[in-house]
Amino acid sequence: MTFIALPGVYSPQDDTALLAEALRNEPAPPNAEALDIGTGTGALALVAAQRGYRVTAVDVSWRAVLTAKANAWLARLPVHVLRGNLLARLTGRRFDLILSNPPYAPTPPGLPRRGAARAWHAGSDGRLLLDRICQEAPPLLRPGGVLLLVHSAVSGEETTLRQLREAGLEAEVTDRRWVALGPVLRSRHPWLHLQGLMEADQSKEELVIIRARKS
């Protein structure tokens, strides 16, 4: 599929493709419901809809909401897109599948964290939204439901696994992929090196797919 993206909306990149690949490996039972957290262009939501899920997508950015709605219309796929701060508008809902490719790039102090910057700023350790997802997503899963999450290894995969397990999910890393540094991490490489998160000559990052299942 081809996606449009308004300025400031995160365009599909290697992490999106890797999570879409993991999504295609998940069974799609009849009438199953999926949630895409931080939908951006709606790329993952559309892959889920293509596979037969009834999809809700949420993003805090009005530009992302408009972009996702436009892409769903262009693809002729039904996706219900909401504007909201993570899961605040979804209290009481339950899903068979939750997807998220959240902002995870560690962010130097002093950079703006409002407007378009919200698409790629994730706090000094990269876990500003990851920690919230690990806490807020598990209660929204039905028994047997699955959370699929992608982020960079520099953002602490062991922390993600621990938090999801503490929330009662069976969590594991199901895929790893080394990819060229994207524009955000590339621009922050000197700072990341000073923080001990990257080597001085590092030109790639390791992405991880984390799958967590509710028993």
C-alpha atoms as a PDB file:
ATOM      1  CA  MET A   1       0.000   0.000   0.000  1.00  0.00           C
ATOM      2  CA  THR A   2       1.021   3.610  -0.616  1.00  0.00           C
ATOM      3  CA  PHE A   3       0.634   6.078   2.254  1.00  0.00           C
ATOM      4  CA  ILE A   4       0.376   9.824   2.392  1.00  0.00           C
ATOM      5  CA  ALA A   5       1.729  11.666   5.425  1.00  0.00           C
ATOM      6  CA  LEU A   6       1.085  15.232   6.505  1.00  0.00           C
ATOM      7  CA  PRO A   7       4.150  17.175   7.732  1.00  0.00           C
ATOM      8  CA  GLY A   8       5.141  16.049  11.215  1.00  0.00           C
ATOM      9  CA  VAL A   9       3.534  12.608  10.904  1.00  0.00           C
ATOM     10  CA  TYR A  10       5.905   9.653  11.228  1.00  0.00           C
ATOM     11  CA  SER A  11       6.219   7.920   7.852  1.00  0.00           C
ATOM     12  CA  PRO A  12       6.500   4.096   7.672  1.00  0.00           C
ATOM     13  CA  GLN A  13      10.103   2.945   7.996  1.00  0.00           C
ATOM     14  CA  ASP A  14      11.981  -0.254   8.857  1.00  0.00           C
ATOM     15  CA  ASP A  15      10.362  -0.566  12.285  1.00  0.00           C
ATOM     16  CA  THR A  16       6.881  -0.309  10.748  1.00  0.00           C
ATOM     17  CA  ALA A  17       7.741  -2.980   8.178  1.00  0.00           C
ATOM     18  CA  LEU A  18       9.134  -5.306  10.841  1.00  0.00           C
ATOM     19  CA  LEU A  19       6.018  -4.981  13.004  1.00  0.00           C
ATOM     20  CA  ALA A  20       3.781  -5.477   9.952  1.00  0.00           C
ATOM     21  CA  GLU A  21       5.655  -8.714   9.261  1.00  0.00           C
ATOM     22  CA  ALA A  22       5.007  -9.904  12.813  1.00  0.00           C
ATOM     23  CA  LEU A  23       1.350  -8.909  12.468  1.00  0.00           C
ATOM     24  CA  ARG A  24       0.981 -11.049   9.345  1.00  0.00           C
ATOM     25  CA  ASN A  25       2.163 -14.065  11.366  1.00  0.00           C
ATOM     26  CA  GLU A  26      -0.662 -13.654  13.889  1.00  0.00           C
ATOM     27  CA  PRO A  27      -3.924 -15.546  13.318  1.00  0.00           C
ATOM     28  CA  ALA A  28      -6.957 -13.367  12.667  1.00  0.00           C
ATOM     29  CA  PRO A  29     -10.028 -15.091  14.165  1.00  0.00           C
ATOM     30  CA  PRO A  30     -13.451 -14.035  12.852  1.00  0.00           C
ATOM     31  CA  ASN A  31     -14.675 -10.760  14.377  1.00  0.00           C
ATOM     32  CA  ALA A  32     -11.388 -10.214  16.213  1.00  0.00           C
ATOM     33  CA  GLU A  33     -10.714  -6.627  17.294  1.00  0.00           C
ATOM     34  CA  ALA A  34      -7.370  -4.870  17.004  1.00  0.00           C
ATOM     35  CA  LEU A  35      -6.034  -1.616  18.434  1.00  0.00           C
ATOM     36  CA  ASP A  36      -3.167   0.403  16.940  1.00  0.00           C
ATOM     37  CA  ILE A  37      -1.612   2.757  19.510  1.00  0.00           C
ATOM     38  CA  GLY A  38       0.094   5.831  18.052  1.00  0.00           C
ATOM     39  CA  THR A  39      -1.125   5.026  14.565  1.00  0.00           C
ATOM     40  CA  GLY A  40       0.697   7.797  12.660  1.00  0.00           C
ATOM     41  CA  THR A  41      -0.147   7.248   8.990  1.00  0.00           C
ATOM     42  CA  GLY A  42      -2.357   4.294   9.914  1.00  0.00           C
ATOM     43  CA  ALA A  43      -0.041   1.851   8.121  1.00  0.00           C
ATOM     44  CA  LEU A  44      -0.263  -0.909  10.739  1.00  0.00           C
ATOM     45  CA  ALA A  45      -3.969  -0.366  11.277  1.00  0.00           C
ATOM     46  CA  LEU A  46      -4.533  -0.896   7.557  1.00  0.00           C
ATOM     47  CA  VAL A  47      -2.515  -4.122   7.512  1.00  0.00           C
ATOM     48  CA  ALA A  48      -4.653  -5.377  10.406  1.00  0.00           C
ATOM     49  CA  ALA A  49      -7.860  -4.357   8.603  1.00  0.00           C
ATOM     50  CA  GLN A  50      -6.608  -6.064   5.458  1.00  0.00           C
ATOM     51  CA  ARG A  51      -6.293  -9.271   7.461  1.00  0.00           C
ATOM     52  CA  GLY A  52      -9.877  -9.059   8.675  1.00  0.00           C
ATOM     53  CA  TYR A  53      -9.559  -7.428  12.094  1.00  0.00           C
ATOM     54  CA  ARG A  54     -12.042  -4.795  13.199  1.00  0.00           C
ATOM     55  CA  VAL A  55      -9.571  -1.999  13.852  1.00  0.00           C
ATOM     56  CA  THR A  56      -9.502   0.991  16.165  1.00  0.00           C
ATOM     57  CA  ALA A  57      -6.537   3.349  15.825  1.00  0.00           C
ATOM     58  CA  VAL A  58      -5.564   6.146  18.200  1.00  0.00           C
ATOM     59  CA  ASP A  59      -3.074   9.016  18.077  1.00  0.00           C
ATOM     60  CA  VAL A  60      -2.584  12.196  20.088  1.00  0.00           C
ATOM     61  CA  SER A  61      -1.841  14.232  16.955  1.00  0.00           C
ATOM     62  CA  TRP A  62      -4.653  15.730  14.904  1.00  0.00           C
ATOM     63  CA  ARG A  63      -2.386  15.565  11.854  1.00  0.00           C
ATOM     64  CA  ALA A  64      -1.882  11.839  12.393  1.00  0.00           C
ATOM     65  CA  VAL A  65      -5.623  11.281  12.860  1.00  0.00           C
ATOM     66  CA  LEU A  66      -6.398  13.098   9.606  1.00  0.00           C
ATOM     67  CA  THR A  67      -3.591  11.240   7.808  1.00  0.00           C
ATOM     68  CA  ALA A  68      -4.765   7.833   9.035  1.00  0.00           C
ATOM     69  CA  LYS A  69      -8.359   8.579   8.040  1.00  0.00           C
ATOM     70  CA  ALA A  70      -7.234   9.679   4.583  1.00  0.00           C
ATOM     71  CA  ASN A  71      -5.118   6.559   4.089  1.00  0.00           C
ATOM     72  CA  ALA A  72      -7.970   4.310   5.224  1.00  0.00           C
ATOM     73  CA  TRP A  73     -10.268   6.037   2.715  1.00  0.00           C
ATOM     74  CA  LEU A  74      -7.719   5.664  -0.086  1.00  0.00           C
ATOM     75  CA  ALA A  75      -7.250   1.966   0.728  1.00  0.00           C
ATOM     76  CA  ARG A  76     -11.018   1.414   1.032  1.00  0.00           C
ATOM     77  CA  LEU A  77     -10.491  -0.263   4.399  1.00  0.00           C
ATOM     78  CA  PRO A  78     -12.606   0.289   7.537  1.00  0.00           C
ATOM     79  CA  VAL A  79     -10.538   1.752  10.388  1.00  0.00           C
ATOM     80  CA  HIS A  80     -12.038   3.723  13.286  1.00  0.00           C
ATOM     81  CA  VAL A  81      -9.532   6.483  14.067  1.00  0.00           C
ATOM     82  CA  LEU A  82      -9.656   8.375  17.371  1.00  0.00           C
ATOM     83  CA  ARG A  83      -7.666  11.269  18.761  1.00  0.00           C
ATOM     84  CA  GLY A  84      -6.510  10.530  22.278  1.00  0.00           C
ATOM     85  CA  ASN A  85      -3.568  10.425  24.665  1.00  0.00           C
ATOM     86  CA  LEU A  86      -2.604   6.755  24.440  1.00  0.00           C
ATOM     87  CA  LEU A  87      -5.412   4.670  25.964  1.00  0.00           C
ATOM     88  CA  ALA A  88      -7.386   7.288  27.891  1.00  0.00           C
ATOM     89  CA  ARG A  89     -10.423   7.061  25.567  1.00  0.00           C
ATOM     90  CA  LEU A  90     -10.526   3.266  25.551  1.00  0.00           C
ATOM     91  CA  THR A  91     -11.403   2.479  29.167  1.00  0.00           C
ATOM     92  CA  GLY A  92     -13.673  -0.547  29.290  1.00  0.00           C
ATOM     93  CA  ARG A  93     -12.794  -1.762  25.776  1.00  0.00           C
ATOM     94  CA  ARG A  94     -11.097  -5.124  25.182  1.00  0.00           C
ATOM     95  CA  PHE A  95      -9.063  -6.248  22.187  1.00  0.00           C
ATOM     96  CA  ASP A  96      -7.703  -9.479  20.721  1.00  0.00           C
ATOM     97  CA  LEU A  97      -4.622  -7.722  19.344  1.00  0.00           C
ATOM     98  CA  ILE A  98      -2.840  -4.509  20.315  1.00  0.00           C
ATOM     99  CA  LEU A  99      -0.096  -3.043  18.105  1.00  0.00           C
ATOM    100  CA  SER A 100       2.282  -0.211  18.753  1.00  0.00           C
ATOM    101  CA  ASN A 101       5.300   1.385  17.126  1.00  0.00           C
ATOM    102  CA  PRO A 102       5.671   4.211  19.651  1.00  0.00           C
ATOM    103  CA  PRO A 103       8.290   6.954  19.842  1.00  0.00           C
ATOM    104  CA  TYR A 104      11.346   5.295  21.408  1.00  0.00           C
ATOM    105  CA  ALA A 105      14.347   7.449  20.492  1.00  0.00           C
ATOM    106  CA  PRO A 106      16.163   8.732  23.620  1.00  0.00           C
ATOM    107  CA  THR A 107      15.891  12.501  23.610  1.00  0.00           C
ATOM    108  CA  PRO A 108      18.549  15.007  24.724  1.00  0.00           C
ATOM    109  CA  PRO A 109      17.402  17.583  27.278  1.00  0.00           C
ATOM    110  CA  GLY A 110      16.124  20.859  25.902  1.00  0.00           C
ATOM    111  CA  LEU A 111      14.551  19.614  22.683  1.00  0.00           C
ATOM    112  CA  PRO A 112      10.877  20.540  22.126  1.00  0.00           C
ATOM    113  CA  ARG A 113       8.402  17.816  23.066  1.00  0.00           C
ATOM    114  CA  ARG A 114       5.203  19.285  21.680  1.00  0.00           C
ATOM    115  CA  GLY A 115       3.671  19.442  18.231  1.00  0.00           C
ATOM    116  CA  ALA A 116       5.269  17.313  15.542  1.00  0.00           C
ATOM    117  CA  ALA A 117       8.180  16.491  17.865  1.00  0.00           C
ATOM    118  CA  ARG A 118       5.906  14.110  19.788  1.00  0.00           C
ATOM    119  CA  ALA A 119       6.286  11.634  16.911  1.00  0.00           C
ATOM    120  CA  TRP A 120       9.914  10.896  17.801  1.00  0.00           C
ATOM    121  CA  HIS A 121      10.763  12.271  21.262  1.00  0.00           C
ATOM    122  CA  ALA A 122      10.628   9.668  24.026  1.00  0.00           C
ATOM    123  CA  GLY A 123      12.402  11.060  27.078  1.00  0.00           C
ATOM    124  CA  SER A 124      16.038  10.725  28.119  1.00  0.00           C
ATOM    125  CA  ASP A 125      15.898   6.904  28.189  1.00  0.00           C
ATOM    126  CA  GLY A 126      13.480   6.422  25.285  1.00  0.00           C
ATOM    127  CA  ARG A 127      10.795   5.000  27.553  1.00  0.00           C
ATOM    128  CA  LEU A 128       8.421   7.927  28.023  1.00  0.00           C
ATOM    129  CA  LEU A 129       5.620   6.090  26.185  1.00  0.00           C
ATOM    130  CA  LEU A 130       6.959   2.544  26.355  1.00  0.00           C
ATOM    131  CA  ASP A 131       6.491   2.450  30.132  1.00  0.00           C
ATOM    132  CA  ARG A 132       2.916   3.723  29.810  1.00  0.00           C
ATOM    133  CA  ILE A 133       2.068   1.144  27.159  1.00  0.00           C
ATOM    134  CA  CYS A 134       3.494  -1.658  29.300  1.00  0.00           C
ATOM    135  CA  GLN A 135       1.276  -0.485  32.154  1.00  0.00           C
ATOM    136  CA  GLU A 136      -1.914   0.519  30.317  1.00  0.00           C
ATOM    137  CA  ALA A 137      -2.189  -1.998  27.460  1.00  0.00           C
ATOM    138  CA  PRO A 138      -2.373  -5.349  29.343  1.00  0.00           C
ATOM    139  CA  PRO A 139      -5.780  -4.636  30.985  1.00  0.00           C
ATOM    140  CA  LEU A 140      -7.230  -3.970  27.514  1.00  0.00           C
ATOM    141  CA  LEU A 141      -6.376  -7.450  26.226  1.00  0.00           C
ATOM    142  CA  ARG A 142      -8.939 -10.223  26.178  1.00  0.00           C
ATOM    143  CA  PRO A 143      -7.815 -13.661  27.468  1.00  0.00           C
ATOM    144  CA  GLY A 144      -5.545 -15.072  24.771  1.00  0.00           C
ATOM    145  CA  GLY A 145      -5.013 -11.572  23.372  1.00  0.00           C
ATOM    146  CA  VAL A 146      -1.609 -10.468  22.090  1.00  0.00           C
ATOM    147  CA  LEU A 147       0.398  -7.251  22.326  1.00  0.00           C
ATOM    148  CA  LEU A 148       2.936  -6.687  19.531  1.00  0.00           C
ATOM    149  CA  LEU A 149       5.467  -3.940  20.161  1.00  0.00           C
ATOM    150  CA  VAL A 150       8.527  -2.740  18.247  1.00  0.00           C
ATOM    151  CA  HIS A 151      11.334  -0.541  19.537  1.00  0.00           C
ATOM    152  CA  SER A 152      15.092  -0.096  19.426  1.00  0.00           C
ATOM    153  CA  ALA A 153      17.305  -2.183  21.669  1.00  0.00           C
ATOM    154  CA  VAL A 154      18.798   1.079  22.983  1.00  0.00           C
ATOM    155  CA  SER A 155      15.467   1.720  24.714  1.00  0.00           C
ATOM    156  CA  GLY A 156      15.789  -1.298  27.019  1.00  0.00           C
ATOM    157  CA  GLU A 157      14.182  -4.514  25.815  1.00  0.00           C
ATOM    158  CA  GLU A 158      14.749  -6.202  29.186  1.00  0.00           C
ATOM    159  CA  THR A 159      12.798  -3.436  30.909  1.00  0.00           C
ATOM    160  CA  THR A 160       9.908  -3.938  28.491  1.00  0.00           C
ATOM    161  CA  LEU A 161       9.913  -7.697  29.031  1.00  0.00           C
ATOM    162  CA  ARG A 162      10.047  -7.324  32.805  1.00  0.00           C
ATOM    163  CA  GLN A 163       7.203  -4.817  32.949  1.00  0.00           C
ATOM    164  CA  LEU A 164       4.953  -6.904  30.709  1.00  0.00           C
ATOM    165  CA  ARG A 165       5.649 -10.039  32.723  1.00  0.00           C
ATOM    166  CA  GLU A 166       4.900  -8.164  35.942  1.00  0.00           C
ATOM    167  CA  ALA A 167       1.568  -7.212  34.328  1.00  0.00           C
ATOM    168  CA  GLY A 168       0.776 -10.916  33.941  1.00  0.00           C
ATOM    169  CA  LEU A 169       1.648 -11.404  30.274  1.00  0.00           C
ATOM    170  CA  GLU A 170       3.849 -14.067  28.700  1.00  0.00           C
ATOM    171  CA  ALA A 171       6.417 -11.862  26.977  1.00  0.00           C
ATOM    172  CA  GLU A 172       9.312 -12.689  24.666  1.00  0.00           C
ATOM    173  CA  VAL A 173      11.430 -11.209  21.881  1.00  0.00           C
ATOM    174  CA  THR A 174      10.285 -12.904  18.680  1.00  0.00           C
ATOM    175  CA  ASP A 175      12.430 -11.092  16.115  1.00  0.00           C
ATOM    176  CA  ARG A 176      15.519  -8.926  15.860  1.00  0.00           C
ATOM    177  CA  ARG A 177      16.724  -6.910  12.919  1.00  0.00           C
ATOM    178  CA  TRP A 178      19.759  -4.677  12.386  1.00  0.00           C
ATOM    179  CA  VAL A 179      18.884  -1.687  10.204  1.00  0.00           C
ATOM    180  CA  ALA A 180      20.597   1.537   9.183  1.00  0.00           C
ATOM    181  CA  LEU A 181      20.155   4.346  11.678  1.00  0.00           C
ATOM    182  CA  GLY A 182      17.071   6.382  10.876  1.00  0.00           C
ATOM    183  CA  PRO A 183      17.200  10.184  10.638  1.00  0.00           C
ATOM    184  CA  VAL A 184      16.236  10.740  14.299  1.00  0.00           C
ATOM    185  CA  LEU A 185      18.857   8.460  15.870  1.00  0.00           C
ATOM    186  CA  ARG A 186      21.433   9.545  13.287  1.00  0.00           C
ATOM    187  CA  SER A 187      20.979  13.182  14.290  1.00  0.00           C
ATOM    188  CA  ARG A 188      21.399  12.234  17.955  1.00  0.00           C
ATOM    189  CA  HIS A 189      24.314   9.857  17.488  1.00  0.00           C
ATOM    190  CA  PRO A 190      26.974  12.043  19.207  1.00  0.00           C
ATOM    191  CA  TRP A 191      24.725  12.487  22.267  1.00  0.00           C
ATOM    192  CA  LEU A 192      23.797   8.773  22.319  1.00  0.00           C
ATOM    193  CA  HIS A 193      27.487   7.905  22.233  1.00  0.00           C
ATOM    194  CA  LEU A 194      28.178  10.206  25.195  1.00  0.00           C
ATOM    195  CA  GLN A 195      25.371   8.444  27.087  1.00  0.00           C
ATOM    196  CA  GLY A 196      26.995   5.061  26.405  1.00  0.00           C
ATOM    197  CA  LEU A 197      24.062   3.931  24.273  1.00  0.00           C
ATOM    198  CA  MET A 198      25.943   3.689  20.964  1.00  0.00           C
ATOM    199  CA  GLU A 199      29.461   3.112  19.697  1.00  0.00           C
ATOM    200  CA  ALA A 200      31.289   6.051  18.119  1.00  0.00           C
ATOM    201  CA  ASP A 201      31.297   4.420  14.679  1.00  0.00           C
ATOM    202  CA  GLN A 202      27.887   2.764  14.922  1.00  0.00           C
ATOM    203  CA  SER A 203      25.813   3.108  11.770  1.00  0.00           C
ATOM    204  CA  LYS A 204      23.050   0.595  12.549  1.00  0.00           C
ATOM    205  CA  GLU A 205      20.565  -0.054  15.311  1.00  0.00           C
ATOM    206  CA  GLU A 206      18.944  -3.267  16.453  1.00  0.00           C
ATOM    207  CA  LEU A 207      15.149  -3.355  16.358  1.00  0.00           C
ATOM    208  CA  VAL A 208      13.264  -5.859  18.478  1.00  0.00           C
ATOM    209  CA  ILE A 209       9.751  -7.252  18.200  1.00  0.00           C
ATOM    210  CA  ILE A 210       8.209  -8.077  21.550  1.00  0.00           C
ATOM    211  CA  ARG A 211       5.169 -10.361  21.673  1.00  0.00           C
ATOM    212  CA  ALA A 212       3.235 -10.552  24.917  1.00  0.00           C
ATOM    213  CA  ARG A 213       0.226 -12.839  25.374  1.00  0.00           C
ATOM    214  CA  LYS A 214      -2.463 -12.727  28.029  1.00  0.00           C
ATOM    215  CA  SER A 215      -3.265 -16.214  29.299  1.00  0.00           C
END
